[in-house]
C-alpha atoms as a PDB file:
ATOM      1  CA  UNK A   1      32.080  -0.377   5.855  1.00  0.00           C
ATOM      2  CA  UNK A   2      29.860   1.771   3.681  1.00  0.00           C
ATOM      3  CA  UNK A   3      26.158   1.643   4.312  1.00  0.00           C
ATOM      4  CA  UNK A   4      23.691   0.118   1.873  1.00  0.00           C
ATOM      5  CA  UNK A   5      21.458   2.915   0.596  1.00  0.00           C
ATOM      6  CA  UNK A   6      17.877   2.428  -0.605  1.00  0.00           C
ATOM      7  CA  UNK A   7      15.938   5.165  -2.410  1.00  0.00           C
ATOM      8  CA  UNK A   8      12.184   5.202  -1.710  1.00  0.00           C
ATOM      9  CA  UNK A   9      10.211   7.230  -4.267  1.00  0.00           C
ATOM     10  CA  UNK A  10       6.503   7.887  -3.714  1.00  0.00           C
ATOM     11  CA  UNK A  11       4.333  10.992  -3.622  1.00  0.00           C
ATOM     12  CA  UNK A  12       2.324   9.553  -0.704  1.00  0.00           C
ATOM     13  CA  UNK A  13       3.898  10.156   2.713  1.00  0.00           C
ATOM     14  CA  UNK A  14       1.993   7.247   4.258  1.00  0.00           C
ATOM     15  CA  UNK A  15       3.418   4.762   1.739  1.00  0.00           C
ATOM     16  CA  UNK A  16       6.961   6.070   2.163  1.00  0.00           C
ATOM     17  CA  UNK A  17       6.649   5.766   5.944  1.00  0.00           C
ATOM     18  CA  UNK A  18       5.273   2.232   5.630  1.00  0.00           C
ATOM     19  CA  UNK A  19       8.180   1.174   3.397  1.00  0.00           C
ATOM     20  CA  UNK A  20      10.767   2.873   5.596  1.00  0.00           C
ATOM     21  CA  UNK A  21       9.486   1.213   8.745  1.00  0.00           C
ATOM     22  CA  UNK A  22       9.398  -2.202   7.113  1.00  0.00           C
ATOM     23  CA  UNK A  23      12.977  -1.844   5.907  1.00  0.00           C
ATOM     24  CA  UNK A  24      14.324  -0.510   9.194  1.00  0.00           C
ATOM     25  CA  UNK A  25      12.645  -3.247  11.227  1.00  0.00           C
ATOM     26  CA  UNK A  26      14.207  -6.006   9.130  1.00  0.00           C
ATOM     27  CA  UNK A  27      17.418  -4.336   7.950  1.00  0.00           C
ATOM     28  CA  UNK A  28      18.539  -2.038  10.805  1.00  0.00           C
ATOM     29  CA  UNK A  29      21.778  -1.118   9.026  1.00  0.00           C
ATOM     30  CA  UNK A  30      20.096   0.206   5.896  1.00  0.00           C
ATOM     31  CA  UNK A  31      20.341   3.862   4.936  1.00  0.00           C
ATOM     32  CA  UNK A  32      17.069   5.167   3.489  1.00  0.00           C
ATOM     33  CA  UNK A  33      16.785   8.159   1.200  1.00  0.00           C
ATOM     34  CA  UNK A  34      13.357   9.363   0.063  1.00  0.00           C
ATOM     35  CA  UNK A  35      11.952  11.412  -2.794  1.00  0.00           C
ATOM     36  CA  UNK A  36       8.427  12.737  -3.333  1.00  0.00           C
ATOM     37  CA  UNK A  37       8.511  12.309  -7.123  1.00  0.00           C
ATOM     38  CA  UNK A  38      10.650  11.246 -10.055  1.00  0.00           C
ATOM     39  CA  UNK A  39      12.212  14.699 -10.494  1.00  0.00           C
ATOM     40  CA  UNK A  40      13.536  14.721  -6.925  1.00  0.00           C
ATOM     41  CA  UNK A  41      14.711  11.136  -7.362  1.00  0.00           C
ATOM     42  CA  UNK A  42      16.789  12.126 -10.412  1.00  0.00           C
ATOM     43  CA  UNK A  43      18.493  14.841  -8.402  1.00  0.00           C
ATOM     44  CA  UNK A  44      19.342  12.382  -5.624  1.00  0.00           C
ATOM     45  CA  UNK A  45      20.587   9.705  -8.018  1.00  0.00           C
ATOM     46  CA  UNK A  46      22.834  12.238  -9.749  1.00  0.00           C
ATOM     47  CA  UNK A  47      24.744  12.988  -6.535  1.00  0.00           C
ATOM     48  CA  UNK A  48      24.434   9.913  -4.281  1.00  0.00           C
ATOM     49  CA  UNK A  49      25.337   6.251  -4.523  1.00  0.00           C
ATOM     50  CA  UNK A  50      22.169   4.126  -4.309  1.00  0.00           C
ATOM     51  CA  UNK A  51      22.072   0.313  -4.147  1.00  0.00           C
ATOM     52  CA  UNK A  52      18.313  -0.213  -4.584  1.00  0.00           C
ATOM     53  CA  UNK A  53      15.361   1.861  -5.834  1.00  0.00           C
ATOM     54  CA  UNK A  54      11.779   1.304  -4.645  1.00  0.00           C
ATOM     55  CA  UNK A  55       9.507   3.469  -6.758  1.00  0.00           C
ATOM     56  CA  UNK A  56       5.818   4.250  -7.229  1.00  0.00           C
ATOM     57  CA  UNK A  57       4.433   4.346 -10.775  1.00  0.00           C
ATOM     58  CA  UNK A  58       1.944   7.220 -10.721  1.00  0.00           C
ATOM     59  CA  UNK A  59       3.579  10.437  -9.520  1.00  0.00           C
ATOM     60  CA  UNK A  60       3.513  14.122 -10.499  1.00  0.00           C
ATOM     61  CA  UNK A  61       6.162  15.604 -12.838  1.00  0.00           C
ATOM     62  CA  UNK A  62       7.980  12.355 -13.674  1.00  0.00           C
ATOM     63  CA  UNK A  63       6.304   8.973 -13.368  1.00  0.00           C
ATOM     64  CA  UNK A  64       7.941   5.825 -12.065  1.00  0.00           C
ATOM     65  CA  UNK A  65       8.098   4.379 -15.578  1.00  0.00           C
ATOM     66  CA  UNK A  66       9.833   7.517 -16.864  1.00  0.00           C
ATOM     67  CA  UNK A  67      12.299   7.405 -13.977  1.00  0.00           C
ATOM     68  CA  UNK A  68      13.010   3.739 -14.713  1.00  0.00           C
ATOM     69  CA  UNK A  69      13.716   4.495 -18.386  1.00  0.00           C
ATOM     70  CA  UNK A  70      15.994   7.380 -17.378  1.00  0.00           C
ATOM     71  CA  UNK A  71      17.911   5.164 -14.945  1.00  0.00           C
ATOM     72  CA  UNK A  72      18.495   2.475 -17.535  1.00  0.00           C
ATOM     73  CA  UNK A  73      19.901   5.110 -19.889  1.00  0.00           C
ATOM     74  CA  UNK A  74      22.557   6.139 -17.323  1.00  0.00           C
ATOM     75  CA  UNK A  75      25.780   4.107 -17.266  1.00  0.00           C
ATOM     76  CA  UNK A  76      26.061   4.377 -13.490  1.00  0.00           C
ATOM     77  CA  UNK A  77      22.466   3.210 -12.899  1.00  0.00           C
ATOM     78  CA  UNK A  78      21.981   0.502 -15.526  1.00  0.00           C
ATOM     79  CA  UNK A  79      22.522  -2.346 -13.089  1.00  0.00           C
ATOM     80  CA  UNK A  80      20.948  -0.803  -9.966  1.00  0.00           C
ATOM     81  CA  UNK A  81      17.928  -2.938  -8.924  1.00  0.00           C
ATOM     82  CA  UNK A  82      14.686  -1.048  -9.542  1.00  0.00           C
ATOM     83  CA  UNK A  83      11.501  -2.359  -7.897  1.00  0.00           C
ATOM     84  CA  UNK A  84       8.210  -0.851  -9.018  1.00  0.00           C
ATOM     85  CA  UNK A  85       5.738  -0.473  -6.116  1.00  0.00           C
ATOM     86  CA  UNK A  86       2.327   0.286  -7.570  1.00  0.00           C
ATOM     87  CA  UNK A  87      -1.375  -0.483  -7.751  1.00  0.00           C
ATOM     88  CA  UNK A  88      -1.067  -0.912 -11.529  1.00  0.00           C
ATOM     89  CA  UNK A  89      -1.254  -4.686 -11.737  1.00  0.00           C
ATOM     90  CA  UNK A  90      -2.674  -4.996 -15.245  1.00  0.00           C
ATOM     91  CA  UNK A  91      -0.761  -7.263 -17.606  1.00  0.00           C
ATOM     92  CA  UNK A  92      -0.063  -4.432 -20.042  1.00  0.00           C
ATOM     93  CA  UNK A  93       1.467  -2.301 -17.295  1.00  0.00           C
ATOM     94  CA  UNK A  94       3.648  -5.154 -16.072  1.00  0.00           C
ATOM     95  CA  UNK A  95       4.857  -5.731 -19.644  1.00  0.00           C
ATOM     96  CA  UNK A  96       5.653  -2.014 -19.975  1.00  0.00           C
ATOM     97  CA  UNK A  97       7.743  -2.103 -16.832  1.00  0.00           C
ATOM     98  CA  UNK A  98       9.581  -5.259 -17.915  1.00  0.00           C
ATOM     99  CA  UNK A  99      10.380  -3.761 -21.299  1.00  0.00           C
ATOM    100  CA  UNK A 100      11.739  -0.648 -19.586  1.00  0.00           C
ATOM    101  CA  UNK A 101      14.091  -2.780 -17.489  1.00  0.00           C
ATOM    102  CA  UNK A 102      12.355  -3.193 -14.136  1.00  0.00           C
ATOM    103  CA  UNK A 103      14.007  -5.648 -11.745  1.00  0.00           C
ATOM    104  CA  UNK A 104      10.901  -6.651  -9.801  1.00  0.00           C
ATOM    105  CA  UNK A 105       7.355  -5.627  -8.993  1.00  0.00           C
ATOM    106  CA  UNK A 106       5.353  -5.161  -5.774  1.00  0.00           C
ATOM    107  CA  UNK A 107       1.609  -4.612  -6.052  1.00  0.00           C
ATOM    108  CA  UNK A 108      -0.216  -2.247  -3.718  1.00  0.00           C
ATOM    109  CA  UNK A 109      -1.425  -2.920  -1.138  1.00  0.00           C
ATOM    110  CA  UNK A 110       1.472  -5.071   0.031  1.00  0.00           C
ATOM    111  CA  UNK A 111       2.207  -6.938   3.223  1.00  0.00           C
ATOM    112  CA  UNK A 112       5.410  -6.423   5.152  1.00  0.00           C
ATOM    113  CA  UNK A 113       6.494  -9.952   4.265  1.00  0.00           C
ATOM    114  CA  UNK A 114       6.111  -9.235   0.539  1.00  0.00           C
ATOM    115  CA  UNK A 115       8.165  -6.053   0.811  1.00  0.00           C
ATOM    116  CA  UNK A 116      10.966  -7.684   2.793  1.00  0.00           C
ATOM    117  CA  UNK A 117      11.071 -10.710   0.488  1.00  0.00           C
ATOM    118  CA  UNK A 118      11.427  -8.572  -2.647  1.00  0.00           C
ATOM    119  CA  UNK A 119      14.105  -6.346  -1.100  1.00  0.00           C
ATOM    120  CA  UNK A 120      16.014  -9.325   0.232  1.00  0.00           C
ATOM    121  CA  UNK A 121      15.940 -10.947  -3.209  1.00  0.00           C
ATOM    122  CA  UNK A 122      17.114  -7.794  -5.001  1.00  0.00           C
ATOM    123  CA  UNK A 123      19.975  -7.103  -2.575  1.00  0.00           C
ATOM    124  CA  UNK A 124      21.048 -10.744  -2.618  1.00  0.00           C
ATOM    125  CA  UNK A 125      21.489 -10.665  -6.389  1.00  0.00           C
ATOM    126  CA  UNK A 126      23.942  -7.779  -6.135  1.00  0.00           C
ATOM    127  CA  UNK A 127      25.778  -9.107  -3.085  1.00  0.00           C
ATOM    128  CA  UNK A 128      24.589  -6.189  -0.958  1.00  0.00           C
ATOM    129  CA  UNK A 129      22.442  -8.322   1.351  1.00  0.00           C
ATOM    130  CA  UNK A 130      25.488 -10.004   2.871  1.00  0.00           C
ATOM    131  CA  UNK A 131      27.131  -6.598   3.275  1.00  0.00           C
ATOM    132  CA  UNK A 132      24.049  -5.233   5.000  1.00  0.00           C
ATOM    133  CA  UNK A 133      23.628  -8.188   7.356  1.00  0.00           C
ATOM    134  CA  UNK A 134      27.316  -8.055   8.225  1.00  0.00           C
ATOM    135  CA  UNK A 135      26.843  -4.495   9.482  1.00  0.00           C
ATOM    136  CA  UNK A 136      24.176  -5.563  11.998  1.00  0.00           C
ATOM    137  CA  UNK A 137      25.432  -6.244  15.505  1.00  0.00           C
ATOM    138  CA  UNK A 138      25.103  -9.862  16.767  1.00  0.00           C
ATOM    139  CA  UNK A 139      23.255  -8.524  19.829  1.00  0.00           C
ATOM    140  CA  UNK A 140      20.560  -6.999  17.632  1.00  0.00           C
ATOM    141  CA  UNK A 141      20.248 -10.169  15.579  1.00  0.00           C
ATOM    142  CA  UNK A 142      19.829 -12.344  18.683  1.00  0.00           C
ATOM    143  CA  UNK A 143      17.251 -10.006  20.203  1.00  0.00           C
ATOM    144  CA  UNK A 144      14.652 -10.980  17.617  1.00  0.00           C
ATOM    145  CA  UNK A 145      14.176  -7.389  16.467  1.00  0.00           C
ATOM    146  CA  UNK A 146      14.334  -8.462  12.837  1.00  0.00           C
ATOM    147  CA  UNK A 147      11.207 -10.570  13.316  1.00  0.00           C
ATOM    148  CA  UNK A 148       9.037  -7.515  13.948  1.00  0.00           C
ATOM    149  CA  UNK A 149       6.279  -7.107  11.408  1.00  0.00           C
ATOM    150  CA  UNK A 150       6.060  -3.381  10.740  1.00  0.00           C
ATOM    151  CA  UNK A 151       2.587  -3.649   9.262  1.00  0.00           C
ATOM    152  CA  UNK A 152       1.463  -5.458  12.418  1.00  0.00           C
ATOM    153  CA  UNK A 153       2.871  -2.600  14.466  1.00  0.00           C
ATOM    154  CA  UNK A 154       0.929  -0.084  12.416  1.00  0.00           C
ATOM    155  CA  UNK A 155      -2.270  -2.067  12.517  1.00  0.00           C
ATOM    156  CA  UNK A 156      -2.285  -3.005  16.177  1.00  0.00           C
ATOM    157  CA  UNK A 157      -0.772  -6.472  15.880  1.00  0.00           C
ATOM    158  CA  UNK A 158       0.817  -8.282  18.803  1.00  0.00           C
ATOM    159  CA  UNK A 159       4.192  -6.548  18.763  1.00  0.00           C
ATOM    160  CA  UNK A 160       4.967  -5.370  22.274  1.00  0.00           C
ATOM    161  CA  UNK A 161       8.353  -3.840  21.499  1.00  0.00           C
ATOM    162  CA  UNK A 162       6.861  -0.914  19.587  1.00  0.00           C
ATOM    163  CA  UNK A 163       4.109   1.453  20.610  1.00  0.00           C
ATOM    164  CA  UNK A 164       2.298   3.240  17.755  1.00  0.00           C
ATOM    165  CA  UNK A 165       1.729   6.931  18.349  1.00  0.00           C
ATOM    166  CA  UNK A 166      -1.796   8.134  19.042  1.00  0.00           C
ATOM    167  CA  UNK A 167      -3.664   9.219  15.904  1.00  0.00           C
ATOM    168  CA  UNK A 168      -3.908  12.958  15.330  1.00  0.00           C
ATOM    169  CA  UNK A 169      -7.661  12.722  14.948  1.00  0.00           C
ATOM    170  CA  UNK A 170     -10.088  10.414  16.741  1.00  0.00           C
ATOM    171  CA  UNK A 171     -11.248   7.331  14.876  1.00  0.00           C
ATOM    172  CA  UNK A 172     -14.503   5.450  15.109  1.00  0.00           C
ATOM    173  CA  UNK A 173     -15.317   3.494  18.233  1.00  0.00           C
ATOM    174  CA  UNK A 174     -13.589   0.083  18.412  1.00  0.00           C
ATOM    175  CA  UNK A 175     -15.461  -2.729  16.735  1.00  0.00           C
ATOM    176  CA  UNK A 176     -16.986  -5.126  19.284  1.00  0.00           C
ATOM    177  CA  UNK A 177     -15.414  -8.572  19.145  1.00  0.00           C
ATOM    178  CA  UNK A 178     -17.717 -11.144  17.534  1.00  0.00           C
ATOM    179  CA  UNK A 179     -18.819 -14.111  19.541  1.00  0.00           C
ATOM    180  CA  UNK A 180     -17.350 -17.498  18.475  1.00  0.00           C
ATOM    181  CA  UNK A 181     -20.835 -18.614  17.468  1.00  0.00           C
ATOM    182  CA  UNK A 182     -21.252 -15.586  15.233  1.00  0.00           C
ATOM    183  CA  UNK A 183     -18.052 -16.446  13.354  1.00  0.00           C
ATOM    184  CA  UNK A 184     -18.854 -20.140  12.995  1.00  0.00           C
ATOM    185  CA  UNK A 185     -22.492 -19.821  12.063  1.00  0.00           C
ATOM    186  CA  UNK A 186     -23.513 -16.930   9.853  1.00  0.00           C
ATOM    187  CA  UNK A 187     -27.019 -15.652  10.174  1.00  0.00           C
ATOM    188  CA  UNK A 188     -29.499 -17.963   8.352  1.00  0.00           C
ATOM    189  CA  UNK A 189     -31.038 -14.861   6.801  1.00  0.00           C
ATOM    190  CA  UNK A 190     -28.098 -12.549   6.042  1.00  0.00           C
ATOM    191  CA  UNK A 191     -28.911  -8.893   5.801  1.00  0.00           C
ATOM    192  CA  UNK A 192     -29.335  -7.387   2.350  1.00  0.00           C
ATOM    193  CA  UNK A 193     -26.356  -5.409   1.093  1.00  0.00           C
ATOM    194  CA  UNK A 194     -26.608  -1.773   2.201  1.00  0.00           C
ATOM    195  CA  UNK A 195     -27.519   0.702  -0.503  1.00  0.00           C
ATOM    196  CA  UNK A 196     -24.986   3.300  -1.602  1.00  0.00           C
ATOM    197  CA  UNK A 197     -23.713   5.461  -4.436  1.00  0.00           C
ATOM    198  CA  UNK A 198     -22.040   2.574  -6.219  1.00  0.00           C
ATOM    199  CA  UNK A 199     -19.818  -0.434  -5.922  1.00  0.00           C
ATOM    200  CA  UNK A 200     -16.107  -1.132  -6.127  1.00  0.00           C
ATOM    201  CA  UNK A 201     -13.426  -3.509  -4.994  1.00  0.00           C
ATOM    202  CA  UNK A 202     -11.223  -2.931  -1.972  1.00  0.00           C
ATOM    203  CA  UNK A 203      -7.795  -4.535  -2.080  1.00  0.00           C
ATOM    204  CA  UNK A 204      -6.044  -5.235   1.225  1.00  0.00           C
ATOM    205  CA  UNK A 205      -2.762  -7.077   1.904  1.00  0.00           C
ATOM    206  CA  UNK A 206      -4.836 -10.037   3.127  1.00  0.00           C
ATOM    207  CA  UNK A 207      -7.111 -10.206   0.072  1.00  0.00           C
ATOM    208  CA  UNK A 208      -9.878  -8.424  -1.815  1.00  0.00           C
ATOM    209  CA  UNK A 209     -13.501  -7.710  -1.018  1.00  0.00           C
ATOM    210  CA  UNK A 210     -16.444  -6.104  -2.785  1.00  0.00           C
ATOM    211  CA  UNK A 211     -17.618  -2.868  -1.227  1.00  0.00           C
ATOM    212  CA  UNK A 212     -20.535  -0.448  -1.342  1.00  0.00           C
ATOM    213  CA  UNK A 213     -19.613   3.241  -1.559  1.00  0.00           C
ATOM    214  CA  UNK A 214     -21.681   5.264   0.886  1.00  0.00           C
ATOM    215  CA  UNK A 215     -19.863   8.579   0.380  1.00  0.00           C
ATOM    216  CA  UNK A 216     -16.941   9.862  -1.657  1.00  0.00           C
ATOM    217  CA  UNK A 217     -14.804  13.010  -1.400  1.00  0.00           C
ATOM    218  CA  UNK A 218     -11.331  14.114  -2.495  1.00  0.00           C
ATOM    219  CA  UNK A 219      -9.964  13.078   0.892  1.00  0.00           C
ATOM    220  CA  UNK A 220     -11.744   9.845   1.739  1.00  0.00           C
ATOM    221  CA  UNK A 221     -14.355   7.236   0.937  1.00  0.00           C
ATOM    222  CA  UNK A 222     -16.930   5.752   3.294  1.00  0.00           C
ATOM    223  CA  UNK A 223     -17.303   2.067   2.415  1.00  0.00           C
ATOM    224  CA  UNK A 224     -19.414  -0.841   3.604  1.00  0.00           C
ATOM    225  CA  UNK A 225     -18.117  -4.411   3.275  1.00  0.00           C
ATOM    226  CA  UNK A 226     -19.420  -7.799   4.351  1.00  0.00           C
ATOM    227  CA  UNK A 227     -17.764  -9.012   7.508  1.00  0.00           C
ATOM    228  CA  UNK A 228     -15.415 -11.998   7.322  1.00  0.00           C
ATOM    229  CA  UNK A 229     -13.386 -13.912   9.884  1.00  0.00           C
ATOM    230  CA  UNK A 230     -10.359 -11.687   9.221  1.00  0.00           C
ATOM    231  CA  UNK A 231     -11.188  -8.112  10.197  1.00  0.00           C
ATOM    232  CA  UNK A 232      -9.650  -5.149   8.345  1.00  0.00           C
ATOM    233  CA  UNK A 233      -7.307  -3.182  10.608  1.00  0.00           C
ATOM    234  CA  UNK A 234      -6.979   0.553  11.226  1.00  0.00           C
ATOM    235  CA  UNK A 235      -3.927   1.993   9.386  1.00  0.00           C
ATOM    236  CA  UNK A 236      -3.826  -0.962   7.007  1.00  0.00           C
ATOM    237  CA  UNK A 237      -2.879   0.097   3.477  1.00  0.00           C
ATOM    238  CA  UNK A 238      -5.511  -0.452   0.776  1.00  0.00           C
ATOM    239  CA  UNK A 239      -6.406   0.247  -2.852  1.00  0.00           C
ATOM    240  CA  UNK A 240      -9.941   1.082  -3.987  1.00  0.00           C
ATOM    241  CA  UNK A 241     -10.687   0.061  -7.591  1.00  0.00           C
ATOM    242  CA  UNK A 242     -13.515   1.864  -9.385  1.00  0.00           C
ATOM    243  CA  UNK A 243     -14.654   1.779 -12.987  1.00  0.00           C
ATOM    244  CA  UNK A 244     -15.254   5.153 -14.629  1.00  0.00           C
ATOM    245  CA  UNK A 245     -17.044   6.129 -17.842  1.00  0.00           C
ATOM    246  CA  UNK A 246     -17.948   4.345 -21.048  1.00  0.00           C
ATOM    247  CA  UNK A 247     -14.292   3.561 -21.797  1.00  0.00           C
ATOM    248  CA  UNK A 248     -14.230   1.371 -18.675  1.00  0.00           C
ATOM    249  CA  UNK A 249     -11.248   3.198 -17.178  1.00  0.00           C
ATOM    250  CA  UNK A 250     -10.196   1.901 -13.791  1.00  0.00           C
ATOM    251  CA  UNK A 251      -9.404   4.357 -11.029  1.00  0.00           C
ATOM    252  CA  UNK A 252      -6.958   2.836  -8.549  1.00  0.00           C
ATOM    253  CA  UNK A 253      -7.092   4.986  -5.442  1.00  0.00           C
ATOM    254  CA  UNK A 254      -4.384   4.330  -2.850  1.00  0.00           C
ATOM    255  CA  UNK A 255      -5.095   4.900   0.816  1.00  0.00           C
ATOM    256  CA  UNK A 256      -5.216   3.494   4.318  1.00  0.00           C
ATOM    257  CA  UNK A 257      -8.027   2.515   6.673  1.00  0.00           C
ATOM    258  CA  UNK A 258      -8.626   5.426   9.029  1.00  0.00           C
ATOM    259  CA  UNK A 259     -11.559   3.856  10.890  1.00  0.00           C
ATOM    260  CA  UNK A 260     -13.312   0.486  11.162  1.00  0.00           C
ATOM    261  CA  UNK A 261     -16.681   0.051  12.864  1.00  0.00           C
ATOM    262  CA  UNK A 262     -19.737  -2.184  12.839  1.00  0.00           C
ATOM    263  CA  UNK A 263     -22.296  -0.916  10.339  1.00  0.00           C
ATOM    264  CA  UNK A 264     -25.127  -2.058  12.594  1.00  0.00           C
ATOM    265  CA  UNK A 265     -25.215  -1.445  16.379  1.00  0.00           C
ATOM    266  CA  UNK A 266     -24.684  -5.075  17.364  1.00  0.00           C
ATOM    267  CA  UNK A 267     -21.562  -7.262  17.894  1.00  0.00           C
ATOM    268  CA  UNK A 268     -22.468  -9.821  15.201  1.00  0.00           C
ATOM    269  CA  UNK A 269     -23.243  -7.270  12.484  1.00  0.00           C
ATOM    270  CA  UNK A 270     -22.951  -8.776   8.996  1.00  0.00           C
ATOM    271  CA  UNK A 271     -21.453  -5.519   7.681  1.00  0.00           C
ATOM    272  CA  UNK A 272     -18.503  -3.264   8.496  1.00  0.00           C
ATOM    273  CA  UNK A 273     -18.206   0.445   7.780  1.00  0.00           C
ATOM    274  CA  UNK A 274     -14.704   1.503   6.715  1.00  0.00           C
ATOM    275  CA  UNK A 275     -13.257   4.968   6.258  1.00  0.00           C
ATOM    276  CA  UNK A 276     -10.566   4.913   3.586  1.00  0.00           C
ATOM    277  CA  UNK A 277      -8.292   7.974   3.602  1.00  0.00           C
ATOM    278  CA  UNK A 278      -6.670   8.641   0.221  1.00  0.00           C
ATOM    279  CA  UNK A 279      -2.908   9.215   0.049  1.00  0.00           C
ATOM    280  CA  UNK A 280      -2.453   9.967  -3.676  1.00  0.00           C
ATOM    281  CA  UNK A 281      -1.167  13.429  -4.584  1.00  0.00           C
ATOM    282  CA  UNK A 282      -0.881  12.836  -8.323  1.00  0.00           C
ATOM    283  CA  UNK A 283      -2.869  15.603 -10.132  1.00  0.00           C
ATOM    284  CA  UNK A 284      -4.191  13.073 -12.643  1.00  0.00           C
ATOM    285  CA  UNK A 285      -5.616  10.923  -9.882  1.00  0.00           C
ATOM    286  CA  UNK A 286      -7.127  13.901  -8.109  1.00  0.00           C
ATOM    287  CA  UNK A 287      -8.754  14.961 -11.381  1.00  0.00           C
ATOM    288  CA  UNK A 288      -9.967  11.405 -11.868  1.00  0.00           C
ATOM    289  CA  UNK A 289     -11.461  11.404  -8.392  1.00  0.00           C
ATOM    290  CA  UNK A 290     -13.116  14.784  -9.018  1.00  0.00           C
ATOM    291  CA  UNK A 291     -14.801  13.397 -12.119  1.00  0.00           C
ATOM    292  CA  UNK A 292     -15.972  10.345 -10.197  1.00  0.00           C
ATOM    293  CA  UNK A 293     -17.532  12.581  -7.572  1.00  0.00           C
ATOM    294  CA  UNK A 294     -19.102  14.900 -10.149  1.00  0.00           C
ATOM    295  CA  UNK A 295     -20.649  12.110 -12.184  1.00  0.00           C
ATOM    296  CA  UNK A 296     -21.615   9.969  -9.224  1.00  0.00           C
ATOM    297  CA  UNK A 297     -20.757   6.283  -8.903  1.00  0.00           C
ATOM    298  CA  UNK A 298     -24.217   4.771  -9.155  1.00  0.00           C
ATOM    299  CA  UNK A 299     -23.434   3.178 -12.524  1.00  0.00           C
ATOM    300  CA  UNK A 300     -19.812   2.313 -11.800  1.00  0.00           C
ATOM    301  CA  UNK A 301     -18.791  -1.241 -11.061  1.00  0.00           C
ATOM    302  CA  UNK A 302     -15.516  -3.059 -10.668  1.00  0.00           C
ATOM    303  CA  UNK A 303     -14.297  -5.254 -13.545  1.00  0.00           C
ATOM    304  CA  UNK A 304     -13.067  -8.646 -12.226  1.00  0.00           C
ATOM    305  CA  UNK A 305      -9.420  -9.249 -12.998  1.00  0.00           C
ATOM    306  CA  UNK A 306      -8.535  -5.580 -13.483  1.00  0.00           C
END
């Protein structure tokens, strides 16, 4: 039986690895092909049979939207499911993708459950899901391996069957666990928000939170957020939204949490300090980030609903 092939297109290695791990954990029989941009994806699609395409929007050379339009113009690719995986969640962008023939949409950052659900739905529509599941051995199915949450593995969740490799560079000291009383009863006089270069919104798979930008470079951002009951996790994917300039442009910077620590040297600190490592390689985004750094972010604020 031929394997079910999925093409993962993204210029960010971290995102491709996250998608690949999620797919392999839940669909062990899947064959994954990857491309770093739309140009490489075209070359692959011209010579290989692909059953599903998972593609980023913003990429160098050929964007995800351009690749989608190209696919829909090819007789052999017209009916291949195409899922856009992107931080562009604005209504106008969604409409653009729908008009170009997108099959579905996954917003960054995404949880493993969201990814698996969308892929399962797309493959089911074409009959490939049954073919894929039929290729998985009964022993593997009964072992519970398909229940692994790949994002939990990456972020230190309780998955004992997989051991994440040690990070190449040391991260901040582990965050002390809060006392039950600290979680139930916030301080009657909460600390004032730390000062910084500006404000933004950090989007995580579990939700969104306002953040203060302490430092910004082409590689990473140092952020401070108010602590909640659910703590952000190291290696969790994230998107930082910033407003830029008089035209109210929104910079959507994709990344992952490289370090999480208490902002104050006490277990019940009201604030967390996060290091967000950027994964975008799109020249336009890098130029955007350069302009943000050059102009400073003191006057930049997130627009709700963007």
